[in-house]
Amino acid sequence: MTGLPVQVCQTCGQAVFPARALCPRCGGRAWRTETATAGVAEQVTTHRRGGVIASVATDLGPVVVARAEDAVGPGARVVLDIDGGAPVARVSA
């Protein structure tokens, strides 16, 4: 699968990740699912054990924390995917 499943409130259009029972903006309970395929890395952190994570502002709106690969740096345009149930950000081609 390419991208992350993101819930979008059918009442007000607020996009959220991870999934929630109620919309944080309007309290709505009806959702549709869209796929966040890309975004921009806002912050990148290297874990003391060598792993790298990035906060990614998705094109749909929500910010997700993802494992960063391919030398992702702040401001980099990235594509999003899921690997083993976890979000992954890779530098877009």
PDB file of N, CA and C in Angstrom:
ATOM      1  N   MET A   1       0.843  -1.188   0.000  1.00  0.00           N
ATOM      2  CA  MET A   1       0.000   0.000   0.000  1.00  0.00           C
ATOM      3  C   MET A   1       0.880   1.241   0.000  1.00  0.00           C
ATOM      4  N   THR A   2       0.567   2.187  -0.823  1.00  0.00           N
ATOM      5  CA  THR A   2       1.284   3.450  -0.835  1.00  0.00           C
ATOM      6  C   THR A   2       0.434   4.499  -0.138  1.00  0.00           C
ATOM      7  N   GLY A   3       1.013   5.178   0.825  1.00  0.00           N
ATOM      8  CA  GLY A   3       0.314   6.214   1.559  1.00  0.00           C
ATOM      9  C   GLY A   3      -0.228   5.723   2.883  1.00  0.00           C
ATOM     10  N   LEU A   4      -0.787   6.684   3.636  1.00  0.00           N
ATOM     11  CA  LEU A   4      -1.370   6.400   4.942  1.00  0.00           C
ATOM     12  C   LEU A   4      -2.865   6.637   4.899  1.00  0.00           C
ATOM     13  N   PRO A   5      -3.662   5.739   5.491  1.00  0.00           N
ATOM     14  CA  PRO A   5      -5.092   5.994   5.555  1.00  0.00           C
ATOM     15  C   PRO A   5      -5.375   7.100   6.571  1.00  0.00           C
ATOM     16  N   VAL A   6      -6.043   8.148   6.121  1.00  0.00           N
ATOM     17  CA  VAL A   6      -6.367   9.295   6.959  1.00  0.00           C
ATOM     18  C   VAL A   6      -7.881   9.448   6.970  1.00  0.00           C
ATOM     19  N   GLN A   7      -8.442   9.653   8.162  1.00  0.00           N
ATOM     20  CA  GLN A   7      -9.876   9.879   8.264  1.00  0.00           C
ATOM     21  C   GLN A   7     -10.181  11.343   7.993  1.00  0.00           C
ATOM     22  N   VAL A   8     -11.268  11.591   7.239  1.00  0.00           N
ATOM     23  CA  VAL A   8     -11.728  12.946   6.973  1.00  0.00           C
ATOM     24  C   VAL A   8     -13.185  13.024   7.414  1.00  0.00           C
ATOM     25  N   CYS A   9     -13.476  13.988   8.290  1.00  0.00           N
ATOM     26  CA  CYS A   9     -14.833  14.157   8.809  1.00  0.00           C
ATOM     27  C   CYS A   9     -15.775  14.529   7.664  1.00  0.00           C
ATOM     28  N   GLN A  10     -16.885  13.816   7.570  1.00  0.00           N
ATOM     29  CA  GLN A  10     -17.849  14.104   6.510  1.00  0.00           C
ATOM     30  C   GLN A  10     -18.665  15.359   6.806  1.00  0.00           C
ATOM     31  N   THR A  11     -18.655  15.826   8.052  1.00  0.00           N
ATOM     32  CA  THR A  11     -19.405  17.024   8.409  1.00  0.00           C
ATOM     33  C   THR A  11     -18.625  18.301   8.127  1.00  0.00           C
ATOM     34  N   CYS A  12     -17.350  18.352   8.606  1.00  0.00           N
ATOM     35  CA  CYS A  12     -16.600  19.613   8.494  1.00  0.00           C
ATOM     36  C   CYS A  12     -15.346  19.520   7.634  1.00  0.00           C
ATOM     37  N   GLY A  13     -14.931  18.311   7.234  1.00  0.00           N
ATOM     38  CA  GLY A  13     -13.760  18.155   6.377  1.00  0.00           C
ATOM     39  C   GLY A  13     -12.428  18.079   7.101  1.00  0.00           C
ATOM     40  N   GLN A  14     -12.416  18.057   8.441  1.00  0.00           N
ATOM     41  CA  GLN A  14     -11.175  17.949   9.212  1.00  0.00           C
ATOM     42  C   GLN A  14     -10.525  16.592   8.962  1.00  0.00           C
ATOM     43  N   ALA A  15      -9.248  16.585   8.597  1.00  0.00           N
ATOM     44  CA  ALA A  15      -8.505  15.344   8.396  1.00  0.00           C
ATOM     45  C   ALA A  15      -7.734  15.026   9.673  1.00  0.00           C
ATOM     46  N   VAL A  16      -7.747  13.736  10.092  1.00  0.00           N
ATOM     47  CA  VAL A  16      -7.060  13.333  11.319  1.00  0.00           C
ATOM     48  C   VAL A  16      -6.276  12.040  11.113  1.00  0.00           C
ATOM     49  N   PHE A  17      -5.174  11.931  11.852  1.00  0.00           N
ATOM     50  CA  PHE A  17      -4.383  10.710  11.910  1.00  0.00           C
ATOM     51  C   PHE A  17      -3.702  10.714  13.262  1.00  0.00           C
ATOM     52  N   PRO A  18      -3.795   9.624  14.023  1.00  0.00           N
ATOM     53  CA  PRO A  18      -4.468   8.368  13.717  1.00  0.00           C
ATOM     54  C   PRO A  18      -5.984   8.513  13.813  1.00  0.00           C
ATOM     55  N   ALA A  19      -6.683   7.412  13.504  1.00  0.00           N
ATOM     56  CA  ALA A  19      -8.140   7.399  13.510  1.00  0.00           C
ATOM     57  C   ALA A  19      -8.691   7.767  14.887  1.00  0.00           C
ATOM     58  N   ARG A  20      -9.832   8.430  14.883  1.00  0.00           N
ATOM     59  CA  ARG A  20     -10.491   8.842  16.123  1.00  0.00           C
ATOM     60  C   ARG A  20     -11.967   8.505  16.045  1.00  0.00           C
ATOM     61  N   ALA A  21     -12.610   8.406  17.190  1.00  0.00           N
ATOM     62  CA  ALA A  21     -14.047   8.126  17.237  1.00  0.00           C
ATOM     63  C   ALA A  21     -14.847   9.376  16.908  1.00  0.00           C
ATOM     64  N   LEU A  22     -14.389  10.530  17.395  1.00  0.00           N
ATOM     65  CA  LEU A  22     -15.094  11.797  17.180  1.00  0.00           C
ATOM     66  C   LEU A  22     -14.164  12.813  16.531  1.00  0.00           C
ATOM     67  N   CYS A  23     -14.735  13.663  15.685  1.00  0.00           N
ATOM     68  CA  CYS A  23     -13.954  14.733  15.062  1.00  0.00           C
ATOM     69  C   CYS A  23     -13.549  15.748  16.133  1.00  0.00           C
ATOM     70  N   PRO A  24     -12.253  16.119  16.204  1.00  0.00           N
ATOM     71  CA  PRO A  24     -11.823  17.092  17.202  1.00  0.00           C
ATOM     72  C   PRO A  24     -12.327  18.507  16.925  1.00  0.00           C
ATOM     73  N   ARG A  25     -12.765  18.781  15.701  1.00  0.00           N
ATOM     74  CA  ARG A  25     -13.247  20.119  15.355  1.00  0.00           C
ATOM     75  C   ARG A  25     -14.742  20.270  15.644  1.00  0.00           C
ATOM     76  N   CYS A  26     -15.552  19.304  15.182  1.00  0.00           N
ATOM     77  CA  CYS A  26     -17.014  19.487  15.268  1.00  0.00           C
ATOM     78  C   CYS A  26     -17.733  18.402  16.071  1.00  0.00           C
ATOM     79  N   GLY A  27     -17.017  17.347  16.472  1.00  0.00           N
ATOM     80  CA  GLY A  27     -17.652  16.266  17.214  1.00  0.00           C
ATOM     81  C   GLY A  27     -18.380  15.259  16.339  1.00  0.00           C
ATOM     82  N   GLY A  28     -18.238  15.399  15.016  1.00  0.00           N
ATOM     83  CA  GLY A  28     -18.899  14.488  14.081  1.00  0.00           C
ATOM     84  C   GLY A  28     -18.423  13.055  14.235  1.00  0.00           C
ATOM     85  N   ARG A  29     -19.284  12.123  13.829  1.00  0.00           N
ATOM     86  CA  ARG A  29     -18.953  10.700  13.936  1.00  0.00           C
ATOM     87  C   ARG A  29     -18.864   9.998  12.585  1.00  0.00           C
ATOM     88  N   ALA A  30     -19.177  10.700  11.512  1.00  0.00           N
ATOM     89  CA  ALA A  30     -19.160  10.097  10.174  1.00  0.00           C
ATOM     90  C   ALA A  30     -17.840  10.441   9.489  1.00  0.00           C
ATOM     91  N   TRP A  31     -17.155   9.406   8.978  1.00  0.00           N
ATOM     92  CA  TRP A  31     -15.834   9.571   8.379  1.00  0.00           C
ATOM     93  C   TRP A  31     -15.778   8.963   6.993  1.00  0.00           C
ATOM     94  N   ARG A  32     -14.923   9.511   6.161  1.00  0.00           N
ATOM     95  CA  ARG A  32     -14.511   8.857   4.920  1.00  0.00           C
ATOM     96  C   ARG A  32     -13.004   8.705   5.008  1.00  0.00           C
ATOM     97  N   THR A  33     -12.461   7.758   4.291  1.00  0.00           N
ATOM     98  CA  THR A  33     -11.018   7.531   4.327  1.00  0.00           C
ATOM     99  C   THR A  33     -10.383   8.044   3.044  1.00  0.00           C
ATOM    100  N   GLU A  34      -9.332   8.832   3.201  1.00  0.00           N
ATOM    101  CA  GLU A  34      -8.510   9.285   2.078  1.00  0.00           C
ATOM    102  C   GLU A  34      -7.080   8.817   2.345  1.00  0.00           C
ATOM    103  N   THR A  35      -6.253   8.883   1.335  1.00  0.00           N
ATOM    104  CA  THR A  35      -4.876   8.420   1.468  1.00  0.00           C
ATOM    105  C   THR A  35      -3.918   9.593   1.387  1.00  0.00           C
ATOM    106  N   ALA A  36      -3.115   9.762   2.444  1.00  0.00           N
ATOM    107  CA  ALA A  36      -2.056  10.776   2.447  1.00  0.00           C
ATOM    108  C   ALA A  36      -0.822  10.126   1.833  1.00  0.00           C
ATOM    109  N   THR A  37      -0.432  10.582   0.661  1.00  0.00           N
ATOM    110  CA  THR A  37       0.692   9.966  -0.046  1.00  0.00           C
ATOM    111  C   THR A  37       1.986  10.768   0.048  1.00  0.00           C
ATOM    112  N   ALA A  38       1.897  12.037   0.466  1.00  0.00           N
ATOM    113  CA  ALA A  38       3.097  12.880   0.482  1.00  0.00           C
ATOM    114  C   ALA A  38       2.949  14.009   1.485  1.00  0.00           C
ATOM    115  N   GLY A  39       4.076  14.682   1.742  1.00  0.00           N
ATOM    116  CA  GLY A  39       4.093  15.819   2.645  1.00  0.00           C
ATOM    117  C   GLY A  39       5.482  16.412   2.719  1.00  0.00           C
ATOM    118  N   VAL A  40       5.689  17.248   3.734  1.00  0.00           N
ATOM    119  CA  VAL A  40       6.980  17.912   3.940  1.00  0.00           C
ATOM    120  C   VAL A  40       7.478  17.593   5.343  1.00  0.00           C
ATOM    121  N   ALA A  41       8.728  17.140   5.448  1.00  0.00           N
ATOM    122  CA  ALA A  41       9.331  16.861   6.750  1.00  0.00           C
ATOM    123  C   ALA A  41       9.560  18.190   7.465  1.00  0.00           C
ATOM    124  N   GLU A  42       8.963  18.324   8.658  1.00  0.00           N
ATOM    125  CA  GLU A  42       9.122  19.563   9.419  1.00  0.00           C
ATOM    126  C   GLU A  42      10.301  19.475  10.384  1.00  0.00           C
ATOM    127  N   GLN A  43      10.389  18.369  11.099  1.00  0.00           N
ATOM    128  CA  GLN A  43      11.492  18.154  12.038  1.00  0.00           C
ATOM    129  C   GLN A  43      12.010  16.740  11.856  1.00  0.00           C
ATOM    130  N   VAL A  44      13.305  16.576  12.039  1.00  0.00           N
ATOM    131  CA  VAL A  44      13.924  15.253  11.924  1.00  0.00           C
ATOM    132  C   VAL A  44      14.796  15.050  13.160  1.00  0.00           C
ATOM    133  N   THR A  45      14.672  13.882  13.764  1.00  0.00           N
ATOM    134  CA  THR A  45      15.412  13.568  14.980  1.00  0.00           C
ATOM    135  C   THR A  45      16.105  12.228  14.839  1.00  0.00           C
ATOM    136  N   THR A  46      17.366  12.167  15.254  1.00  0.00           N
ATOM    137  CA  THR A  46      18.101  10.904  15.266  1.00  0.00           C
ATOM    138  C   THR A  46      18.082  10.354  16.679  1.00  0.00           C
ATOM    139  N   HIS A  47      17.588   9.144  16.804  1.00  0.00           N
ATOM    140  CA  HIS A  47      17.542   8.466  18.094  1.00  0.00           C
ATOM    141  C   HIS A  47      18.949   8.043  18.482  1.00  0.00           C
ATOM    142  N   ARG A  48      19.218   7.956  19.770  1.00  0.00           N
ATOM    143  CA  ARG A  48      20.568   7.599  20.224  1.00  0.00           C
ATOM    144  C   ARG A  48      21.020   6.236  19.720  1.00  0.00           C
ATOM    145  N   ARG A  49      20.093   5.391  19.311  1.00  0.00           N
ATOM    146  CA  ARG A  49      20.448   4.080  18.758  1.00  0.00           C
ATOM    147  C   ARG A  49      20.562   4.106  17.239  1.00  0.00           C
ATOM    148  N   GLY A  50      20.454   5.288  16.660  1.00  0.00           N
ATOM    149  CA  GLY A  50      20.685   5.417  15.230  1.00  0.00           C
ATOM    150  C   GLY A  50      19.444   5.530  14.367  1.00  0.00           C
ATOM    151  N   GLY A  51      18.270   5.246  14.905  1.00  0.00           N
ATOM    152  CA  GLY A  51      17.050   5.388  14.118  1.00  0.00           C
ATOM    153  C   GLY A  51      16.711   6.850  13.901  1.00  0.00           C
ATOM    154  N   VAL A  52      16.085   7.149  12.784  1.00  0.00           N
ATOM    155  CA  VAL A  52      15.723   8.528  12.459  1.00  0.00           C
ATOM    156  C   VAL A  52      14.208   8.606  12.302  1.00  0.00           C
ATOM    157  N   ILE A  53      13.589   9.625  12.938  1.00  0.00           N
ATOM    158  CA  ILE A  53      12.157   9.857  12.792  1.00  0.00           C
ATOM    159  C   ILE A  53      11.931  11.283  12.317  1.00  0.00           C
ATOM    160  N   ALA A  54      10.794  11.488  11.662  1.00  0.00           N
ATOM    161  CA  ALA A  54      10.461  12.813  11.148  1.00  0.00           C
ATOM    162  C   ALA A  54       9.005  13.134  11.436  1.00  0.00           C
ATOM    163  N   SER A  55       8.749  14.408  11.761  1.00  0.00           N
ATOM    164  CA  SER A  55       7.387  14.927  11.813  1.00  0.00           C
ATOM    165  C   SER A  55       7.077  15.404  10.402  1.00  0.00           C
ATOM    166  N   VAL A  56       6.023  14.842   9.810  1.00  0.00           N
ATOM    167  CA  VAL A  56       5.695  15.156   8.423  1.00  0.00           C
ATOM    168  C   VAL A  56       4.324  15.819   8.356  1.00  0.00           C
ATOM    169  N   ALA A  57       4.277  17.042   7.818  1.00  0.00           N
ATOM    170  CA  ALA A  57       3.007  17.712   7.568  1.00  0.00           C
ATOM    171  C   ALA A  57       2.476  17.154   6.248  1.00  0.00           C
ATOM    172  N   THR A  58       1.421  16.340   6.331  1.00  0.00           N
ATOM    173  CA  THR A  58       0.883  15.722   5.119  1.00  0.00           C
ATOM    174  C   THR A  58       0.144  16.745   4.269  1.00  0.00           C
ATOM    175  N   ASP A  59       0.003  16.446   2.993  1.00  0.00           N
ATOM    176  CA  ASP A  59      -0.739  17.329   2.094  1.00  0.00           C
ATOM    177  C   ASP A  59      -2.213  17.432   2.489  1.00  0.00           C
ATOM    178  N   LEU A  60      -2.726  16.416   3.207  1.00  0.00           N
ATOM    179  CA  LEU A  60      -4.115  16.447   3.670  1.00  0.00           C
ATOM    180  C   LEU A  60      -4.285  17.246   4.953  1.00  0.00           C
ATOM    181  N   GLY A  61      -3.168  17.566   5.646  1.00  0.00           N
ATOM    182  CA  GLY A  61      -3.261  18.383   6.845  1.00  0.00           C
ATOM    183  C   GLY A  61      -2.659  17.809   8.104  1.00  0.00           C
ATOM    184  N   PRO A  62      -2.980  16.557   8.485  1.00  0.00           N
ATOM    185  CA  PRO A  62      -2.434  16.064   9.747  1.00  0.00           C
ATOM    186  C   PRO A  62      -0.911  15.922   9.720  1.00  0.00           C
ATOM    187  N   VAL A  63      -0.301  16.133  10.880  1.00  0.00           N
ATOM    188  CA  VAL A  63       1.129  15.891  11.034  1.00  0.00           C
ATOM    189  C   VAL A  63       1.289  14.478  11.589  1.00  0.00           C
ATOM    190  N   VAL A  64       2.144  13.684  10.951  1.00  0.00           N
ATOM    191  CA  VAL A  64       2.393  12.316  11.400  1.00  0.00           C
ATOM    192  C   VAL A  64       3.868  12.166  11.747  1.00  0.00           C
ATOM    193  N   VAL A  65       4.147  11.286  12.689  1.00  0.00           N
ATOM    194  CA  VAL A  65       5.522  10.945  13.025  1.00  0.00           C
ATOM    195  C   VAL A  65       5.837   9.648  12.295  1.00  0.00           C
ATOM    196  N   ALA A  66       6.890   9.664  11.502  1.00  0.00           N
ATOM    197  CA  ALA A  66       7.220   8.521  10.650  1.00  0.00           C
ATOM    198  C   ALA A  66       8.697   8.189  10.747  1.00  0.00           C
ATOM    199  N   ARG A  67       9.026   6.920  10.518  1.00  0.00           N
ATOM    200  CA  ARG A  67      10.430   6.532  10.380  1.00  0.00           C
ATOM    201  C   ARG A  67      10.959   7.190   9.108  1.00  0.00           C
ATOM    202  N   ALA A  68      12.096   7.845   9.211  1.00  0.00           N
ATOM    203  CA  ALA A  68      12.665   8.559   8.070  1.00  0.00           C
ATOM    204  C   ALA A  68      13.742   7.708   7.410  1.00  0.00           C
ATOM    205  N   GLU A  69      13.660   7.601   6.111  1.00  0.00           N
ATOM    206  CA  GLU A  69      14.661   6.855   5.330  1.00  0.00           C
ATOM    207  C   GLU A  69      15.196   7.756   4.224  1.00  0.00           C
ATOM    208  N   ASP A  70      16.228   7.313   3.566  1.00  0.00           N
ATOM    209  CA  ASP A  70      16.800   8.005   2.400  1.00  0.00           C
ATOM    210  C   ASP A  70      17.270   9.420   2.720  1.00  0.00           C
ATOM    211  N   ALA A  71      17.881   9.624   3.891  1.00  0.00           N
ATOM    212  CA  ALA A  71      18.445  10.926   4.271  1.00  0.00           C
ATOM    213  C   ALA A  71      17.414  12.049   4.242  1.00  0.00           C
ATOM    214  N   VAL A  72      16.246  11.800   4.799  1.00  0.00           N
ATOM    215  CA  VAL A  72      15.213  12.829   4.912  1.00  0.00           C
ATOM    216  C   VAL A  72      15.722  13.925   5.846  1.00  0.00           C
ATOM    217  N   GLY A  73      15.588  15.169   5.421  1.00  0.00           N
ATOM    218  CA  GLY A  73      15.985  16.304   6.245  1.00  0.00           C
ATOM    219  C   GLY A  73      14.842  17.288   6.361  1.00  0.00           C
ATOM    220  N   PRO A  74      14.937  18.245   7.291  1.00  0.00           N
ATOM    221  CA  PRO A  74      13.890  19.248   7.434  1.00  0.00           C
ATOM    222  C   PRO A  74      13.647  19.986   6.127  1.00  0.00           C
ATOM    223  N   GLY A  75      12.396  20.151   5.768  1.00  0.00           N
ATOM    224  CA  GLY A  75      12.027  20.836   4.537  1.00  0.00           C
ATOM    225  C   GLY A  75      11.960  19.944   3.316  1.00  0.00           C
ATOM    226  N   ALA A  76      12.373  18.686   3.471  1.00  0.00           N
ATOM    227  CA  ALA A  76      12.370  17.761   2.325  1.00  0.00           C
ATOM    228  C   ALA A  76      10.955  17.338   1.972  1.00  0.00           C
ATOM    229  N   ARG A  77      10.687  17.257   0.697  1.00  0.00           N
ATOM    230  CA  ARG A  77       9.426  16.708   0.202  1.00  0.00           C
ATOM    231  C   ARG A  77       9.548  15.186   0.289  1.00  0.00           C
ATOM    232  N   VAL A  78       8.561  14.524   0.928  1.00  0.00           N
ATOM    233  CA  VAL A  78       8.633  13.080   1.135  1.00  0.00           C
ATOM    234  C   VAL A  78       7.366  12.390   0.648  1.00  0.00           C
ATOM    235  N   VAL A  79       7.525  11.108   0.343  1.00  0.00           N
ATOM    236  CA  VAL A  79       6.378  10.241   0.076  1.00  0.00           C
ATOM    237  C   VAL A  79       6.171   9.386   1.318  1.00  0.00           C
ATOM    238  N   LEU A  80       4.934   9.018   1.566  1.00  0.00           N
ATOM    239  CA  LEU A  80       4.586   8.260   2.758  1.00  0.00           C
ATOM    240  C   LEU A  80       4.120   6.860   2.404  1.00  0.00           C
ATOM    241  N   ASP A  81       4.427   5.948   3.299  1.00  0.00           N
ATOM    242  CA  ASP A  81       4.040   4.560   3.112  1.00  0.00           C
ATOM    243  C   ASP A  81       3.876   3.947   4.491  1.00  0.00           C
ATOM    244  N   ILE A  82       3.419   2.710   4.534  1.00  0.00           N
ATOM    245  CA  ILE A  82       3.336   1.951   5.782  1.00  0.00           C
ATOM    246  C   ILE A  82       4.209   0.727   5.632  1.00  0.00           C
ATOM    247  N   ASP A  83       5.026   0.466   6.652  1.00  0.00           N
ATOM    248  CA  ASP A  83       5.885  -0.721   6.674  1.00  0.00           C
ATOM    249  C   ASP A  83       5.740  -1.359   8.040  1.00  0.00           C
ATOM    250  N   GLY A  84       5.221  -2.571   8.075  1.00  0.00           N
ATOM    251  CA  GLY A  84       5.034  -3.275   9.341  1.00  0.00           C
ATOM    252  C   GLY A  84       4.071  -2.561  10.262  1.00  0.00           C
ATOM    253  N   GLY A  85       3.114  -1.845   9.717  1.00  0.00           N
ATOM    254  CA  GLY A  85       2.123  -1.128  10.508  1.00  0.00           C
ATOM    255  C   GLY A  85       2.539   0.265  10.937  1.00  0.00           C
ATOM    256  N   ALA A  86       3.770   0.679  10.614  1.00  0.00           N
ATOM    257  CA  ALA A  86       4.267   1.995  11.020  1.00  0.00           C
ATOM    258  C   ALA A  86       4.474   2.899   9.808  1.00  0.00           C
ATOM    259  N   PRO A  87       4.189   4.204   9.955  1.00  0.00           N
ATOM    260  CA  PRO A  87       4.428   5.155   8.867  1.00  0.00           C
ATOM    261  C   PRO A  87       5.920   5.281   8.549  1.00  0.00           C
ATOM    262  N   VAL A  88       6.226   5.430   7.257  1.00  0.00           N
ATOM    263  CA  VAL A  88       7.596   5.598   6.777  1.00  0.00           C
ATOM    264  C   VAL A  88       7.606   6.780   5.797  1.00  0.00           C
ATOM    265  N   ALA A  89       8.629   7.644   5.930  1.00  0.00           N
ATOM    266  CA  ALA A  89       8.815   8.779   5.019  1.00  0.00           C
ATOM    267  C   ALA A  89      10.087   8.558   4.220  1.00  0.00           C
ATOM    268  N   ARG A  90       9.979   8.732   2.899  1.00  0.00           N
ATOM    269  CA  ARG A  90      11.136   8.610   2.016  1.00  0.00           C
ATOM    270  C   ARG A  90      11.208   9.847   1.125  1.00  0.00           C
ATOM    271  N   VAL A  91      12.411  10.267   0.786  1.00  0.00           N
ATOM    272  CA  VAL A  91      12.580  11.415  -0.099  1.00  0.00           C
ATOM    273  C   VAL A  91      11.870  11.132  -1.414  1.00  0.00           C
ATOM    274  N   SER A  92      11.046  12.099  -1.863  1.00  0.00           N
ATOM    275  CA  SER A  92      10.337  11.903  -3.120  1.00  0.00           C
ATOM    276  C   SER A  92      11.282  12.096  -4.296  1.00  0.00           C
ATOM    277  N   ALA A  93      11.005  11.386  -5.377  1.00  0.00           N
ATOM    278  CA  ALA A  93      11.873  11.432  -6.566  1.00  0.00           C
ATOM    279  C   ALA A  93      11.598  12.651  -7.399  1.00  0.00           C
TER     280      ALA A  93
END
